[in-house]
C-alpha atoms as a PDB file:
ATOM      1  CA  MET A   1       0.624 -19.807  -9.246  1.00  0.00           C
ATOM      2  CA  ASN A   2      -0.723 -16.841 -11.147  1.00  0.00           C
ATOM      3  CA  LYS A   3       0.997 -13.472 -11.420  1.00  0.00           C
ATOM      4  CA  TYR A   4      -0.811 -10.296 -10.423  1.00  0.00           C
ATOM      5  CA  LYS A   5      -0.307  -6.543 -10.486  1.00  0.00           C
ATOM      6  CA  ALA A   6      -2.178  -4.770  -7.676  1.00  0.00           C
ATOM      7  CA  LEU A   7      -2.721  -1.059  -7.179  1.00  0.00           C
ATOM      8  CA  VAL A   8      -2.991  -0.535  -3.418  1.00  0.00           C
ATOM      9  CA  ARG A   9      -4.462   2.610  -1.897  1.00  0.00           C
ATOM     10  CA  GLY A  10      -3.735   3.669   1.666  1.00  0.00           C
ATOM     11  CA  GLN A  11      -5.795   6.240   3.554  1.00  0.00           C
ATOM     12  CA  ASN A  12      -5.727   7.981   6.924  1.00  0.00           C
ATOM     13  CA  PHE A  13      -1.994   7.625   7.546  1.00  0.00           C
ATOM     14  CA  LEU A  14      -0.883  10.085  10.228  1.00  0.00           C
ATOM     15  CA  LEU A  15       2.754  10.859   9.358  1.00  0.00           C
ATOM     16  CA  ASN A  16       5.481  13.355  10.191  1.00  0.00           C
ATOM     17  CA  ASN A  17       6.461  15.146   6.990  1.00  0.00           C
ATOM     18  CA  ASN A  18       9.510  17.363   7.559  1.00  0.00           C
ATOM     19  CA  GLY A  19       8.436  18.276  11.091  1.00  0.00           C
ATOM     20  CA  LYS A  20       4.729  18.712  10.300  1.00  0.00           C
ATOM     21  CA  VAL A  21       2.294  15.972  11.268  1.00  0.00           C
ATOM     22  CA  GLY A  22      -0.543  15.443   8.837  1.00  0.00           C
ATOM     23  CA  ARG A  23      -2.847  12.876   7.290  1.00  0.00           C
ATOM     24  CA  PHE A  24      -1.729  11.269   4.082  1.00  0.00           C
ATOM     25  CA  GLY A  25      -2.903   8.707   1.619  1.00  0.00           C
ATOM     26  CA  PHE A  26      -0.819   6.837  -0.908  1.00  0.00           C
ATOM     27  CA  TYR A  27      -0.862   4.651  -3.967  1.00  0.00           C
ATOM     28  CA  ALA A  28       1.539   1.759  -4.458  1.00  0.00           C
ATOM     29  CA  THR A  29       1.831  -0.900  -7.137  1.00  0.00           C
ATOM     30  CA  ARG A  30       2.804  -4.371  -5.994  1.00  0.00           C
ATOM     31  CA  PHE A  31       3.433  -7.570  -7.963  1.00  0.00           C
ATOM     32  CA  VAL A  32       2.642 -10.926  -6.350  1.00  0.00           C
ATOM     33  CA  ASP A  33       2.320 -14.632  -7.085  1.00  0.00           C
ATOM     34  CA  ALA A  34      -0.963 -16.038  -5.822  1.00  0.00           C
ATOM     35  CA  GLY A  35      -3.423 -18.833  -6.414  1.00  0.00           C
ATOM     36  CA  SER A  36      -6.377 -16.474  -6.766  1.00  0.00           C
ATOM     37  CA  GLU A  37      -7.238 -12.812  -7.104  1.00  0.00           C
ATOM     38  CA  ALA A  38      -8.362 -12.689  -3.450  1.00  0.00           C
ATOM     39  CA  ASP A  39      -5.038 -14.185  -2.309  1.00  0.00           C
ATOM     40  CA  ALA A  40      -3.198 -11.677  -4.491  1.00  0.00           C
ATOM     41  CA  GLU A  41      -5.026  -8.790  -2.816  1.00  0.00           C
ATOM     42  CA  GLU A  42      -4.068 -10.087   0.637  1.00  0.00           C
ATOM     43  CA  LYS A  43      -0.431 -10.607  -0.375  1.00  0.00           C
ATOM     44  CA  ALA A  44      -0.132  -7.152  -1.950  1.00  0.00           C
ATOM     45  CA  ILE A  45      -1.415  -5.472   1.210  1.00  0.00           C
ATOM     46  CA  ALA A  46       0.817  -7.692   3.372  1.00  0.00           C
ATOM     47  CA  THR A  47       3.924  -6.480   1.514  1.00  0.00           C
ATOM     48  CA  LEU A  48       3.066  -2.952   2.641  1.00  0.00           C
ATOM     49  CA  ARG A  49       1.910  -3.890   6.147  1.00  0.00           C
ATOM     50  CA  ASP A  50       5.226  -5.723   6.652  1.00  0.00           C
ATOM     51  CA  ASP A  51       7.327  -2.791   5.382  1.00  0.00           C
ATOM     52  CA  PRO A  52       9.256  -1.622   8.469  1.00  0.00           C
ATOM     53  CA  ALA A  53       9.796   1.906   7.114  1.00  0.00           C
ATOM     54  CA  LEU A  54       6.060   2.460   6.621  1.00  0.00           C
ATOM     55  CA  ARG A  55       5.068   0.694   9.834  1.00  0.00           C
ATOM     56  CA  ASP A  56       7.534   2.727  11.918  1.00  0.00           C
ATOM     57  CA  ALA A  57       6.425   6.037  10.363  1.00  0.00           C
ATOM     58  CA  VAL A  58       2.726   5.672  11.219  1.00  0.00           C
ATOM     59  CA  LEU A  59       1.640   7.840  14.167  1.00  0.00           C
ATOM     60  CA  ASN A  60      -2.048   6.845  14.308  1.00  0.00           C
ATOM     61  CA  GLU A  61      -3.705   5.938  17.602  1.00  0.00           C
ATOM     62  CA  LYS A  62      -5.263   2.465  17.715  1.00  0.00           C
ATOM     63  CA  SER A  63      -8.712   4.116  17.793  1.00  0.00           C
ATOM     64  CA  ASP A  64      -8.005   5.832  14.423  1.00  0.00           C
ATOM     65  CA  PRO A  65      -6.209   3.255  12.275  1.00  0.00           C
ATOM     66  CA  PRO A  66      -5.013   3.765   8.715  1.00  0.00           C
ATOM     67  CA  ILE A  67      -6.562   1.545   6.052  1.00  0.00           C
ATOM     68  CA  MET A  68      -5.310  -0.114   2.882  1.00  0.00           C
ATOM     69  CA  PHE A  69      -7.244  -1.731   0.089  1.00  0.00           C
ATOM     70  CA  VAL A  70      -6.636  -2.919  -3.457  1.00  0.00           C
ATOM     71  CA  GLU A  71      -8.165  -0.438  -5.869  1.00  0.00           C
ATOM     72  CA  ASP A  72      -7.309  -2.342  -9.056  1.00  0.00           C
ATOM     73  CA  ILE A  73      -5.866  -5.765  -9.815  1.00  0.00           C
ATOM     74  CA  SER A  74      -4.939  -7.539 -13.020  1.00  0.00           C
ATOM     75  CA  GLN A  75      -3.411 -10.866 -13.920  1.00  0.00           C
ATOM     76  CA  LEU A  76      -0.113 -10.814 -15.826  1.00  0.00           C
ATOM     77  CA  ASP A  77       1.548 -13.313 -18.123  1.00  0.00           C
ATOM     78  CA  SER A  78       4.966 -12.803 -16.525  1.00  0.00           C
ATOM     79  CA  PHE A  79       7.037 -10.610 -14.220  1.00  0.00           C
ATOM     80  CA  ASP A  80       9.816 -10.148 -16.793  1.00  0.00           C
ATOM     81  CA  GLY A  81      11.505  -6.767 -16.356  1.00  0.00           C
ATOM     82  CA  LEU A  82       9.610  -5.839 -13.166  1.00  0.00           C
ATOM     83  CA  ASN A  83      11.054  -4.953  -9.746  1.00  0.00           C
ATOM     84  CA  LEU A  84       9.367  -7.454  -7.411  1.00  0.00           C
ATOM     85  CA  PRO A  85       7.324  -7.088  -5.293  1.00  0.00           C
ATOM     86  CA  GLY A  86       7.422  -3.389  -6.183  1.00  0.00           C
ATOM     87  CA  THR A  87       8.948  -0.380  -4.492  1.00  0.00           C
ATOM     88  CA  GLY A  88       7.943   3.064  -3.437  1.00  0.00           C
ATOM     89  CA  LEU A  89       4.805   4.847  -2.430  1.00  0.00           C
ATOM     90  CA  SER A  90       3.193   7.907  -4.011  1.00  0.00           C
ATOM     91  CA  PHE A  91       1.852   9.999  -1.123  1.00  0.00           C
ATOM     92  CA  TYR A  92      -0.779  12.727  -1.249  1.00  0.00           C
ATOM     93  CA  SER A  93      -2.069  15.012   1.494  1.00  0.00           C
ATOM     94  CA  GLU A  94      -5.541  14.341   2.862  1.00  0.00           C
ATOM     95  CA  ARG A  95      -7.471  17.408   3.937  1.00  0.00           C
ATOM     96  CA  GLU A  96      -8.735  17.594   7.479  1.00  0.00           C
ATOM     97  CA  PRO A  97     -12.523  18.060   7.709  1.00  0.00           C
ATOM     98  CA  GLY A  98     -13.687  21.466   8.670  1.00  0.00           C
END
């Protein structure tokens, strides 16, 4: 298995932030073992999709789903000194059109 570092970007997440509902995006770095770069991308996104805290916070209707994609990925020699698979999300506010 190869070791990968993936920068995941999330968009269109409808969330309650201190009593105010708004649209947010985020960046998250995840570290995964995978046989290929494509598998690593899928695994990195799955770690976020399977995160109960994020999943439970999403308020989107099924007709307006949030999206996640890998913005950057690189192969690493090792995971020494890293917190696997990665923790935390860096959120930013998305402006509503208009």
